[in-house]
Amino acid sequence: MKTINILETAILSDNWYTLKKITYEMTGSDGAVVKQEREAYDRGNGATILLYNKEHGTVVLTRQFRMPTYINGNETGLLIECCAGLLDEDNAEECIRRETMEETGY
């Protein structure tokens, strides 16, 4: 098992979501310690569901616009995804019920 030791966390942006730069050391199973830096968005906790249609033997997915895929060359910016959403103040079950209705109508 790898051990992670966070050395520093810096906030790079606190606009739409919080973008953090994290400097850490990771100790591998062989005992070697490697120092690394990564950037990570903190969007909060979320929930997702893979809806299954028993009658048709299929899953129900959504198609949504995502800016990162658009600026990376996807002409429409649309991705096919599982229904999901941020928890906000809800618990996971309440969140996914709300998102399922909003995104799929089920």
PDB file of N, CA and C in Angstrom:
ATOM      1  N   MET A   1       0.840  -1.188   0.000  1.00  0.00           N
ATOM      2  CA  MET A   1       0.000   0.000   0.000  1.00  0.00           C
ATOM      3  C   MET A   1       0.880   1.245   0.000  1.00  0.00           C
ATOM      4  N   LYS A   2       0.456   2.247  -0.736  1.00  0.00           N
ATOM      5  CA  LYS A   2       1.193   3.499  -0.822  1.00  0.00           C
ATOM      6  C   LYS A   2       0.757   4.432   0.311  1.00  0.00           C
ATOM      7  N   THR A   3       1.707   5.168   0.847  1.00  0.00           N
ATOM      8  CA  THR A   3       1.424   6.157   1.878  1.00  0.00           C
ATOM      9  C   THR A   3       1.556   7.540   1.263  1.00  0.00           C
ATOM     10  N   ILE A   4       0.580   8.403   1.516  1.00  0.00           N
ATOM     11  CA  ILE A   4       0.575   9.763   0.986  1.00  0.00           C
ATOM     12  C   ILE A   4       0.773  10.738   2.142  1.00  0.00           C
ATOM     13  N   ASN A   5       1.698  11.669   1.960  1.00  0.00           N
ATOM     14  CA  ASN A   5       1.946  12.714   2.949  1.00  0.00           C
ATOM     15  C   ASN A   5       1.828  14.063   2.236  1.00  0.00           C
ATOM     16  N   ILE A   6       0.749  14.797   2.500  1.00  0.00           N
ATOM     17  CA  ILE A   6       0.542  16.092   1.855  1.00  0.00           C
ATOM     18  C   ILE A   6       1.458  17.115   2.500  1.00  0.00           C
ATOM     19  N   LEU A   7       2.271  17.767   1.678  1.00  0.00           N
ATOM     20  CA  LEU A   7       3.233  18.756   2.153  1.00  0.00           C
ATOM     21  C   LEU A   7       2.685  20.175   2.095  1.00  0.00           C
ATOM     22  N   GLU A   8       1.925  20.468   1.025  1.00  0.00           N
ATOM     23  CA  GLU A   8       1.416  21.824   0.836  1.00  0.00           C
ATOM     24  C   GLU A   8       0.188  21.799  -0.057  1.00  0.00           C
ATOM     25  N   THR A   9      -0.760  22.661   0.241  1.00  0.00           N
ATOM     26  CA  THR A   9      -1.939  22.849  -0.595  1.00  0.00           C
ATOM     27  C   THR A   9      -2.095  24.338  -0.857  1.00  0.00           C
ATOM     28  N   ALA A  10      -2.150  24.718  -2.125  1.00  0.00           N
ATOM     29  CA  ALA A  10      -2.324  26.116  -2.508  1.00  0.00           C
ATOM     30  C   ALA A  10      -3.580  26.247  -3.362  1.00  0.00           C
ATOM     31  N   ILE A  11      -4.361  27.280  -3.116  1.00  0.00           N
ATOM     32  CA  ILE A  11      -5.555  27.540  -3.920  1.00  0.00           C
ATOM     33  C   ILE A  11      -5.144  28.375  -5.122  1.00  0.00           C
ATOM     34  N   LEU A  12      -5.370  27.819  -6.314  1.00  0.00           N
ATOM     35  CA  LEU A  12      -5.040  28.510  -7.561  1.00  0.00           C
ATOM     36  C   LEU A  12      -6.214  29.320  -8.089  1.00  0.00           C
ATOM     37  N   SER A  13      -7.430  28.841  -7.817  1.00  0.00           N
ATOM     38  CA  SER A  13      -8.638  29.524  -8.276  1.00  0.00           C
ATOM     39  C   SER A  13      -9.786  29.146  -7.361  1.00  0.00           C
ATOM     40  N   ASP A  14     -10.622  30.115  -7.072  1.00  0.00           N
ATOM     41  CA  ASP A  14     -11.822  29.862  -6.265  1.00  0.00           C
ATOM     42  C   ASP A  14     -13.005  30.507  -6.978  1.00  0.00           C
ATOM     43  N   ASN A  15     -13.108  30.203  -8.282  1.00  0.00           N
ATOM     44  CA  ASN A  15     -14.117  30.814  -9.120  1.00  0.00           C
ATOM     45  C   ASN A  15     -15.368  29.946  -9.146  1.00  0.00           C
ATOM     46  N   TRP A  16     -15.511  29.112 -10.155  1.00  0.00           N
ATOM     47  CA  TRP A  16     -16.692  28.240 -10.264  1.00  0.00           C
ATOM     48  C   TRP A  16     -16.596  27.101  -9.261  1.00  0.00           C
ATOM     49  N   TYR A  17     -15.430  26.454  -9.222  1.00  0.00           N
ATOM     50  CA  TYR A  17     -15.083  25.459  -8.216  1.00  0.00           C
ATOM     51  C   TYR A  17     -13.706  25.822  -7.701  1.00  0.00           C
ATOM     52  N   THR A  18     -13.226  25.139  -6.690  1.00  0.00           N
ATOM     53  CA  THR A  18     -11.914  25.440  -6.139  1.00  0.00           C
ATOM     54  C   THR A  18     -10.852  24.581  -6.817  1.00  0.00           C
ATOM     55  N   LEU A  19      -9.853  25.242  -7.393  1.00  0.00           N
ATOM     56  CA  LEU A  19      -8.727  24.551  -8.008  1.00  0.00           C
ATOM     57  C   LEU A  19      -7.549  24.640  -7.052  1.00  0.00           C
ATOM     58  N   LYS A  20      -7.055  23.468  -6.646  1.00  0.00           N
ATOM     59  CA  LYS A  20      -5.949  23.409  -5.690  1.00  0.00           C
ATOM     60  C   LYS A  20      -4.721  22.796  -6.346  1.00  0.00           C
ATOM     61  N   LYS A  21      -3.557  23.278  -5.937  1.00  0.00           N
ATOM     62  CA  LYS A  21      -2.285  22.660  -6.307  1.00  0.00           C
ATOM     63  C   LYS A  21      -1.780  21.966  -5.046  1.00  0.00           C
ATOM     64  N   ILE A  22      -1.585  20.670  -5.144  1.00  0.00           N
ATOM     65  CA  ILE A  22      -1.210  19.864  -3.985  1.00  0.00           C
ATOM     66  C   ILE A  22       0.181  19.290  -4.206  1.00  0.00           C
ATOM     67  N   THR A  23       1.061  19.540  -3.255  1.00  0.00           N
ATOM     68  CA  THR A  23       2.407  18.975  -3.265  1.00  0.00           C
ATOM     69  C   THR A  23       2.425  17.882  -2.202  1.00  0.00           C
ATOM     70  N   TYR A  24       2.874  16.700  -2.586  1.00  0.00           N
ATOM     71  CA  TYR A  24       2.844  15.577  -1.652  1.00  0.00           C
ATOM     72  C   TYR A  24       4.009  14.626  -1.894  1.00  0.00           C
ATOM     73  N   GLU A  25       4.247  13.812  -0.903  1.00  0.00           N
ATOM     74  CA  GLU A  25       5.201  12.717  -1.027  1.00  0.00           C
ATOM     75  C   GLU A  25       4.421  11.419  -1.003  1.00  0.00           C
ATOM     76  N   MET A  26       4.822  10.506  -1.858  1.00  0.00           N
ATOM     77  CA  MET A  26       4.181   9.203  -1.909  1.00  0.00           C
ATOM     78  C   MET A  26       5.248   8.149  -1.650  1.00  0.00           C
ATOM     79  N   THR A  27       4.998   7.318  -0.648  1.00  0.00           N
ATOM     80  CA  THR A  27       5.911   6.226  -0.330  1.00  0.00           C
ATOM     81  C   THR A  27       5.329   4.952  -0.911  1.00  0.00           C
ATOM     82  N   GLY A  28       6.058   4.340  -1.824  1.00  0.00           N
ATOM     83  CA  GLY A  28       5.597   3.124  -2.470  1.00  0.00           C
ATOM     84  C   GLY A  28       5.807   1.903  -1.591  1.00  0.00           C
ATOM     85  N   SER A  29       5.306   0.776  -2.033  1.00  0.00           N
ATOM     86  CA  SER A  29       5.428  -0.467  -1.270  1.00  0.00           C
ATOM     87  C   SER A  29       6.883  -0.905  -1.126  1.00  0.00           C
ATOM     88  N   ASP A  30       7.762  -0.398  -2.000  1.00  0.00           N
ATOM     89  CA  ASP A  30       9.188  -0.720  -1.904  1.00  0.00           C
ATOM     90  C   ASP A  30       9.935   0.232  -0.975  1.00  0.00           C
ATOM     91  N   GLY A  31       9.221   1.210  -0.397  1.00  0.00           N
ATOM     92  CA  GLY A  31       9.831   2.164   0.523  1.00  0.00           C
ATOM     93  C   GLY A  31      10.366   3.424  -0.134  1.00  0.00           C
ATOM     94  N   ALA A  32      10.372   3.482  -1.447  1.00  0.00           N
ATOM     95  CA  ALA A  32      10.867   4.664  -2.158  1.00  0.00           C
ATOM     96  C   ALA A  32       9.880   5.817  -2.000  1.00  0.00           C
ATOM     97  N   VAL A  33      10.422   7.000  -1.721  1.00  0.00           N
ATOM     98  CA  VAL A  33       9.608   8.202  -1.549  1.00  0.00           C
ATOM     99  C   VAL A  33       9.761   9.082  -2.785  1.00  0.00           C
ATOM    100  N   VAL A  34       8.623   9.471  -3.359  1.00  0.00           N
ATOM    101  CA  VAL A  34       8.612  10.320  -4.548  1.00  0.00           C
ATOM    102  C   VAL A  34       7.792  11.566  -4.232  1.00  0.00           C
ATOM    103  N   LYS A  35       8.352  12.736  -4.527  1.00  0.00           N
ATOM    104  CA  LYS A  35       7.638  13.992  -4.340  1.00  0.00           C
ATOM    105  C   LYS A  35       6.954  14.354  -5.659  1.00  0.00           C
ATOM    106  N   GLN A  36       5.663  14.700  -5.570  1.00  0.00           N
ATOM    107  CA  GLN A  36       4.901  15.038  -6.771  1.00  0.00           C
ATOM    108  C   GLN A  36       4.009  16.239  -6.509  1.00  0.00           C
ATOM    109  N   GLU A  37       3.568  16.883  -7.603  1.00  0.00           N
ATOM    110  CA  GLU A  37       2.595  17.968  -7.541  1.00  0.00           C
ATOM    111  C   GLU A  37       1.461  17.647  -8.501  1.00  0.00           C
ATOM    112  N   ARG A  38       0.261  17.919  -8.075  1.00  0.00           N
ATOM    113  CA  ARG A  38      -0.907  17.725  -8.925  1.00  0.00           C
ATOM    114  C   ARG A  38      -1.888  18.862  -8.684  1.00  0.00           C
ATOM    115  N   GLU A  39      -2.660  19.182  -9.725  1.00  0.00           N
ATOM    116  CA  GLU A  39      -3.757  20.138  -9.596  1.00  0.00           C
ATOM    117  C   GLU A  39      -5.058  19.348  -9.579  1.00  0.00           C
ATOM    118  N   ALA A  40      -5.961  19.761  -8.710  1.00  0.00           N
ATOM    119  CA  ALA A  40      -7.229  19.046  -8.586  1.00  0.00           C
ATOM    120  C   ALA A  40      -8.350  20.030  -8.297  1.00  0.00           C
ATOM    121  N   TYR A  41      -9.461  19.858  -9.013  1.00  0.00           N
ATOM    122  CA  TYR A  41     -10.654  20.644  -8.730  1.00  0.00           C
ATOM    123  C   TYR A  41     -11.407  20.001  -7.583  1.00  0.00           C
ATOM    124  N   ASP A  42     -11.828  20.815  -6.644  1.00  0.00           N
ATOM    125  CA  ASP A  42     -12.701  20.350  -5.568  1.00  0.00           C
ATOM    126  C   ASP A  42     -14.096  20.826  -5.907  1.00  0.00           C
ATOM    127  N   ARG A  43     -14.915  19.905  -6.364  1.00  0.00           N
ATOM    128  CA  ARG A  43     -16.282  20.246  -6.760  1.00  0.00           C
ATOM    129  C   ARG A  43     -17.288  19.842  -5.699  1.00  0.00           C
ATOM    130  N   GLY A  44     -16.808  19.244  -4.620  1.00  0.00           N
ATOM    131  CA  GLY A  44     -17.713  18.738  -3.600  1.00  0.00           C
ATOM    132  C   GLY A  44     -18.070  17.293  -3.900  1.00  0.00           C
ATOM    133  N   ASN A  45     -18.884  16.710  -3.057  1.00  0.00           N
ATOM    134  CA  ASN A  45     -19.282  15.312  -3.225  1.00  0.00           C
ATOM    135  C   ASN A  45     -20.453  15.194  -4.188  1.00  0.00           C
ATOM    136  N   GLY A  46     -20.537  14.060  -4.832  1.00  0.00           N
ATOM    137  CA  GLY A  46     -21.602  13.840  -5.799  1.00  0.00           C
ATOM    138  C   GLY A  46     -22.138  12.428  -5.731  1.00  0.00           C
ATOM    139  N   ALA A  47     -23.132  12.184  -6.540  1.00  0.00           N
ATOM    140  CA  ALA A  47     -23.744  10.861  -6.642  1.00  0.00           C
ATOM    141  C   ALA A  47     -24.021  10.578  -8.110  1.00  0.00           C
ATOM    142  N   THR A  48     -24.001   9.301  -8.457  1.00  0.00           N
ATOM    143  CA  THR A  48     -24.312   8.890  -9.825  1.00  0.00           C
ATOM    144  C   THR A  48     -25.143   7.620  -9.786  1.00  0.00           C
ATOM    145  N   ILE A  49     -25.827   7.357 -10.879  1.00  0.00           N
ATOM    146  CA  ILE A  49     -26.652   6.158 -10.972  1.00  0.00           C
ATOM    147  C   ILE A  49     -26.573   5.629 -12.399  1.00  0.00           C
ATOM    148  N   LEU A  50     -26.521   4.336 -12.534  1.00  0.00           N
ATOM    149  CA  LEU A  50     -26.607   3.705 -13.845  1.00  0.00           C
ATOM    150  C   LEU A  50     -28.001   3.116 -13.939  1.00  0.00           C
ATOM    151  N   LEU A  51     -28.863   3.807 -14.688  1.00  0.00           N
ATOM    152  CA  LEU A  51     -30.260   3.387 -14.825  1.00  0.00           C
ATOM    153  C   LEU A  51     -30.356   2.219 -15.798  1.00  0.00           C
ATOM    154  N   TYR A  52     -31.100   1.197 -15.414  1.00  0.00           N
ATOM    155  CA  TYR A  52     -31.264   0.013 -16.247  1.00  0.00           C
ATOM    156  C   TYR A  52     -32.727  -0.126 -16.642  1.00  0.00           C
ATOM    157  N   ASN A  53     -32.982  -0.255 -17.938  1.00  0.00           N
ATOM    158  CA  ASN A  53     -34.331  -0.451 -18.453  1.00  0.00           C
ATOM    159  C   ASN A  53     -34.535  -1.956 -18.644  1.00  0.00           C
ATOM    160  N   LYS A  54     -35.275  -2.571 -17.722  1.00  0.00           N
ATOM    161  CA  LYS A  54     -35.496  -4.028 -17.761  1.00  0.00           C
ATOM    162  C   LYS A  54     -36.222  -4.459 -19.030  1.00  0.00           C
ATOM    163  N   GLU A  55     -37.194  -3.650 -19.449  1.00  0.00           N
ATOM    164  CA  GLU A  55     -38.011  -4.003 -20.611  1.00  0.00           C
ATOM    165  C   GLU A  55     -37.163  -4.126 -21.881  1.00  0.00           C
ATOM    166  N   HIS A  56     -36.219  -3.214 -22.060  1.00  0.00           N
ATOM    167  CA  HIS A  56     -35.405  -3.214 -23.266  1.00  0.00           C
ATOM    168  C   HIS A  56     -34.027  -3.839 -23.066  1.00  0.00           C
ATOM    169  N   GLY A  57     -33.669  -4.121 -21.819  1.00  0.00           N
ATOM    170  CA  GLY A  57     -32.347  -4.674 -21.545  1.00  0.00           C
ATOM    171  C   GLY A  57     -31.225  -3.698 -21.866  1.00  0.00           C
ATOM    172  N   THR A  58     -31.480  -2.402 -21.625  1.00  0.00           N
ATOM    173  CA  THR A  58     -30.504  -1.362 -21.940  1.00  0.00           C
ATOM    174  C   THR A  58     -30.277  -0.473 -20.723  1.00  0.00           C
ATOM    175  N   VAL A  59     -29.249   0.360 -20.808  1.00  0.00           N
ATOM    176  CA  VAL A  59     -29.029   1.373 -19.778  1.00  0.00           C
ATOM    177  C   VAL A  59     -29.477   2.723 -20.326  1.00  0.00           C
ATOM    178  N   VAL A  60     -29.809   3.634 -19.422  1.00  0.00           N
ATOM    179  CA  VAL A  60     -30.252   4.973 -19.794  1.00  0.00           C
ATOM    180  C   VAL A  60     -29.112   5.934 -19.482  1.00  0.00           C
ATOM    181  N   LEU A  61     -28.629   6.629 -20.506  1.00  0.00           N
ATOM    182  CA  LEU A  61     -27.543   7.590 -20.349  1.00  0.00           C
ATOM    183  C   LEU A  61     -28.027   8.974 -20.745  1.00  0.00           C
ATOM    184  N   THR A  62     -27.245   9.992 -20.417  1.00  0.00           N
ATOM    185  CA  THR A  62     -27.595  11.363 -20.787  1.00  0.00           C
ATOM    186  C   THR A  62     -26.535  11.916 -21.731  1.00  0.00           C
ATOM    187  N   ARG A  63     -26.886  12.946 -22.450  1.00  0.00           N
ATOM    188  CA  ARG A  63     -25.941  13.633 -23.332  1.00  0.00           C
ATOM    189  C   ARG A  63     -25.875  15.082 -22.846  1.00  0.00           C
ATOM    190  N   GLN A  64     -24.667  15.517 -22.443  1.00  0.00           N
ATOM    191  CA  GLN A  64     -24.533  16.847 -21.870  1.00  0.00           C
ATOM    192  C   GLN A  64     -23.317  17.579 -22.441  1.00  0.00           C
ATOM    193  N   PHE A  65     -23.455  18.894 -22.534  1.00  0.00           N
ATOM    194  CA  PHE A  65     -22.355  19.732 -23.006  1.00  0.00           C
ATOM    195  C   PHE A  65     -21.301  19.854 -21.907  1.00  0.00           C
ATOM    196  N   ARG A  66     -20.030  19.669 -22.285  1.00  0.00           N
ATOM    197  CA  ARG A  66     -18.901  19.826 -21.366  1.00  0.00           C
ATOM    198  C   ARG A  66     -17.833  20.668 -22.058  1.00  0.00           C
ATOM    199  N   MET A  67     -17.543  21.834 -21.499  1.00  0.00           N
ATOM    200  CA  MET A  67     -16.582  22.761 -22.088  1.00  0.00           C
ATOM    201  C   MET A  67     -15.210  22.133 -22.334  1.00  0.00           C
ATOM    202  N   PRO A  68     -14.625  21.373 -21.394  1.00  0.00           N
ATOM    203  CA  PRO A  68     -13.286  20.826 -21.663  1.00  0.00           C
ATOM    204  C   PRO A  68     -13.218  19.968 -22.928  1.00  0.00           C
ATOM    205  N   THR A  69     -14.231  19.163 -23.186  1.00  0.00           N
ATOM    206  CA  THR A  69     -14.198  18.340 -24.388  1.00  0.00           C
ATOM    207  C   THR A  69     -14.401  19.200 -25.642  1.00  0.00           C
ATOM    208  N   TYR A  70     -15.177  20.274 -25.527  1.00  0.00           N
ATOM    209  CA  TYR A  70     -15.373  21.183 -26.653  1.00  0.00           C
ATOM    210  C   TYR A  70     -14.059  21.862 -27.047  1.00  0.00           C
ATOM    211  N   ILE A  71     -13.319  22.384 -26.061  1.00  0.00           N
ATOM    212  CA  ILE A  71     -12.084  23.086 -26.394  1.00  0.00           C
ATOM    213  C   ILE A  71     -10.959  22.125 -26.781  1.00  0.00           C
ATOM    214  N   ASN A  72     -11.160  20.824 -26.568  1.00  0.00           N
ATOM    215  CA  ASN A  72     -10.184  19.820 -26.997  1.00  0.00           C
ATOM    216  C   ASN A  72     -10.553  19.190 -28.335  1.00  0.00           C
ATOM    217  N   GLY A  73     -11.499  19.812 -29.068  1.00  0.00           N
ATOM    218  CA  GLY A  73     -11.763  19.367 -30.421  1.00  0.00           C
ATOM    219  C   GLY A  73     -13.064  18.631 -30.662  1.00  0.00           C
ATOM    220  N   ASN A  74     -13.848  18.356 -29.636  1.00  0.00           N
ATOM    221  CA  ASN A  74     -15.157  17.742 -29.845  1.00  0.00           C
ATOM    222  C   ASN A  74     -16.084  18.834 -30.375  1.00  0.00           C
ATOM    223  N   GLU A  75     -16.484  18.727 -31.632  1.00  0.00           N
ATOM    224  CA  GLU A  75     -17.231  19.791 -32.301  1.00  0.00           C
ATOM    225  C   GLU A  75     -18.515  20.199 -31.585  1.00  0.00           C
ATOM    226  N   THR A  76     -19.192  19.262 -30.953  1.00  0.00           N
ATOM    227  CA  THR A  76     -20.434  19.593 -30.253  1.00  0.00           C
ATOM    228  C   THR A  76     -20.211  19.839 -28.769  1.00  0.00           C
ATOM    229  N   GLY A  77     -19.138  19.317 -28.226  1.00  0.00           N
ATOM    230  CA  GLY A  77     -18.893  19.424 -26.787  1.00  0.00           C
ATOM    231  C   GLY A  77     -19.761  18.499 -25.968  1.00  0.00           C
ATOM    232  N   LEU A  78     -20.506  17.617 -26.641  1.00  0.00           N
ATOM    233  CA  LEU A  78     -21.412  16.721 -25.917  1.00  0.00           C
ATOM    234  C   LEU A  78     -20.706  15.431 -25.514  1.00  0.00           C
ATOM    235  N   LEU A  79     -20.994  14.996 -24.293  1.00  0.00           N
ATOM    236  CA  LEU A  79     -20.518  13.705 -23.792  1.00  0.00           C
ATOM    237  C   LEU A  79     -21.715  12.856 -23.428  1.00  0.00           C
ATOM    238  N   ILE A  80     -21.567  11.561 -23.564  1.00  0.00           N
ATOM    239  CA  ILE A  80     -22.592  10.615 -23.129  1.00  0.00           C
ATOM    240  C   ILE A  80     -22.162  10.125 -21.754  1.00  0.00           C
ATOM    241  N   GLU A  81     -23.071  10.284 -20.769  1.00  0.00           N
ATOM    242  CA  GLU A  81     -22.709  10.045 -19.377  1.00  0.00           C
ATOM    243  C   GLU A  81     -23.808   9.326 -18.620  1.00  0.00           C
ATOM    244  N   CYS A  82     -23.421   8.794 -17.462  1.00  0.00           N
ATOM    245  CA  CYS A  82     -24.403   8.349 -16.475  1.00  0.00           C
ATOM    246  C   CYS A  82     -25.012   9.592 -15.850  1.00  0.00           C
ATOM    247  N   CYS A  83     -26.221   9.485 -15.394  1.00  0.00           N
ATOM    248  CA  CYS A  83     -26.881  10.559 -14.676  1.00  0.00           C
ATOM    249  C   CYS A  83     -26.126  10.788 -13.359  1.00  0.00           C
ATOM    250  N   ALA A  84     -25.814  12.050 -13.057  1.00  0.00           N
ATOM    251  CA  ALA A  84     -25.049  12.363 -11.852  1.00  0.00           C
ATOM    252  C   ALA A  84     -25.286  13.802 -11.433  1.00  0.00           C
ATOM    253  N   GLY A  85     -24.908  14.114 -10.200  1.00  0.00           N
ATOM    254  CA  GLY A  85     -25.018  15.485  -9.728  1.00  0.00           C
ATOM    255  C   GLY A  85     -24.302  15.696  -8.414  1.00  0.00           C
ATOM    256  N   LEU A  86     -24.101  16.963  -8.081  1.00  0.00           N
ATOM    257  CA  LEU A  86     -23.469  17.316  -6.816  1.00  0.00           C
ATOM    258  C   LEU A  86     -24.488  17.224  -5.686  1.00  0.00           C
ATOM    259  N   LEU A  87     -24.017  16.797  -4.517  1.00  0.00           N
ATOM    260  CA  LEU A  87     -24.917  16.599  -3.387  1.00  0.00           C
ATOM    261  C   LEU A  87     -25.518  17.896  -2.873  1.00  0.00           C
ATOM    262  N   ASP A  88     -24.775  18.998  -2.949  1.00  0.00           N
ATOM    263  CA  ASP A  88     -25.214  20.255  -2.344  1.00  0.00           C
ATOM    264  C   ASP A  88     -25.543  19.967  -0.879  1.00  0.00           C
ATOM    265  N   GLU A  89     -26.767  20.187  -0.459  1.00  0.00           N
ATOM    266  CA  GLU A  89     -27.151  19.919   0.937  1.00  0.00           C
ATOM    267  C   GLU A  89     -27.913  18.600   1.083  1.00  0.00           C
ATOM    268  N   ASP A  90     -28.103  17.870  -0.012  1.00  0.00           N
ATOM    269  CA  ASP A  90     -28.860  16.618   0.015  1.00  0.00           C
ATOM    270  C   ASP A  90     -27.981  15.444   0.420  1.00  0.00           C
ATOM    271  N   ASN A  91     -28.644  14.350   0.795  1.00  0.00           N
ATOM    272  CA  ASN A  91     -27.908  13.097   0.910  1.00  0.00           C
ATOM    273  C   ASN A  91     -27.857  12.480  -0.487  1.00  0.00           C
ATOM    274  N   ALA A  92     -27.074  11.434  -0.653  1.00  0.00           N
ATOM    275  CA  ALA A  92     -26.849  10.863  -1.987  1.00  0.00           C
ATOM    276  C   ALA A  92     -28.148  10.403  -2.649  1.00  0.00           C
ATOM    277  N   GLU A  93     -29.046   9.770  -1.898  1.00  0.00           N
ATOM    278  CA  GLU A  93     -30.288   9.258  -2.489  1.00  0.00           C
ATOM    279  C   GLU A  93     -31.189  10.401  -2.967  1.00  0.00           C
ATOM    280  N   GLU A  94     -31.325  11.452  -2.159  1.00  0.00           N
ATOM    281  CA  GLU A  94     -32.143  12.603  -2.572  1.00  0.00           C
ATOM    282  C   GLU A  94     -31.537  13.279  -3.798  1.00  0.00           C
ATOM    283  N   CYS A  95     -30.228  13.409  -3.800  1.00  0.00           N
ATOM    284  CA  CYS A  95     -29.524  14.034  -4.928  1.00  0.00           C
ATOM    285  C   CYS A  95     -29.778  13.271  -6.217  1.00  0.00           C
ATOM    286  N   ILE A  96     -29.593  11.970  -6.186  1.00  0.00           N
ATOM    287  CA  ILE A  96     -29.689  11.210  -7.430  1.00  0.00           C
ATOM    288  C   ILE A  96     -31.134  11.108  -7.909  1.00  0.00           C
ATOM    289  N   ARG A  97     -32.089  11.123  -7.000  1.00  0.00           N
ATOM    290  CA  ARG A  97     -33.495  11.172  -7.420  1.00  0.00           C
ATOM    291  C   ARG A  97     -33.771  12.480  -8.167  1.00  0.00           C
ATOM    292  N   ARG A  98     -33.293  13.603  -7.615  1.00  0.00           N
ATOM    293  CA  ARG A  98     -33.481  14.916  -8.242  1.00  0.00           C
ATOM    294  C   ARG A  98     -32.805  14.961  -9.606  1.00  0.00           C
ATOM    295  N   GLU A  99     -31.554  14.530  -9.673  1.00  0.00           N
ATOM    296  CA  GLU A  99     -30.813  14.572 -10.926  1.00  0.00           C
ATOM    297  C   GLU A  99     -31.411  13.639 -11.965  1.00  0.00           C
ATOM    298  N   THR A 100     -31.880  12.482 -11.563  1.00  0.00           N
ATOM    299  CA  THR A 100     -32.489  11.535 -12.497  1.00  0.00           C
ATOM    300  C   THR A 100     -33.711  12.166 -13.156  1.00  0.00           C
ATOM    301  N   MET A 101     -34.538  12.833 -12.351  1.00  0.00           N
ATOM    302  CA  MET A 101     -35.732  13.490 -12.895  1.00  0.00           C
ATOM    303  C   MET A 101     -35.325  14.635 -13.845  1.00  0.00           C
ATOM    304  N   GLU A 102     -34.377  15.457 -13.419  1.00  0.00           N
ATOM    305  CA  GLU A 102     -33.957  16.605 -14.231  1.00  0.00           C
ATOM    306  C   GLU A 102     -33.321  16.163 -15.559  1.00  0.00           C
ATOM    307  N   GLU A 103     -32.472  15.150 -15.505  1.00  0.00           N
ATOM    308  CA  GLU A 103     -31.683  14.785 -16.681  1.00  0.00           C
ATOM    309  C   GLU A 103     -32.346  13.765 -17.588  1.00  0.00           C
ATOM    310  N   THR A 104     -33.226  12.918 -17.045  1.00  0.00           N
ATOM    311  CA  THR A 104     -33.802  11.855 -17.865  1.00  0.00           C
ATOM    312  C   THR A 104     -35.315  11.835 -17.892  1.00  0.00           C
ATOM    313  N   GLY A 105     -35.948  12.473 -16.927  1.00  0.00           N
ATOM    314  CA  GLY A 105     -37.399  12.438 -16.844  1.00  0.00           C
ATOM    315  C   GLY A 105     -37.938  11.207 -16.111  1.00  0.00           C
ATOM    316  N   TYR A 106     -37.064  10.309 -15.711  1.00  0.00           N
ATOM    317  CA  TYR A 106     -37.519   9.125 -14.955  1.00  0.00           C
ATOM    318  C   TYR A 106     -37.621   9.436 -13.486  1.00  0.00           C
TER     319      TYR A 106
END
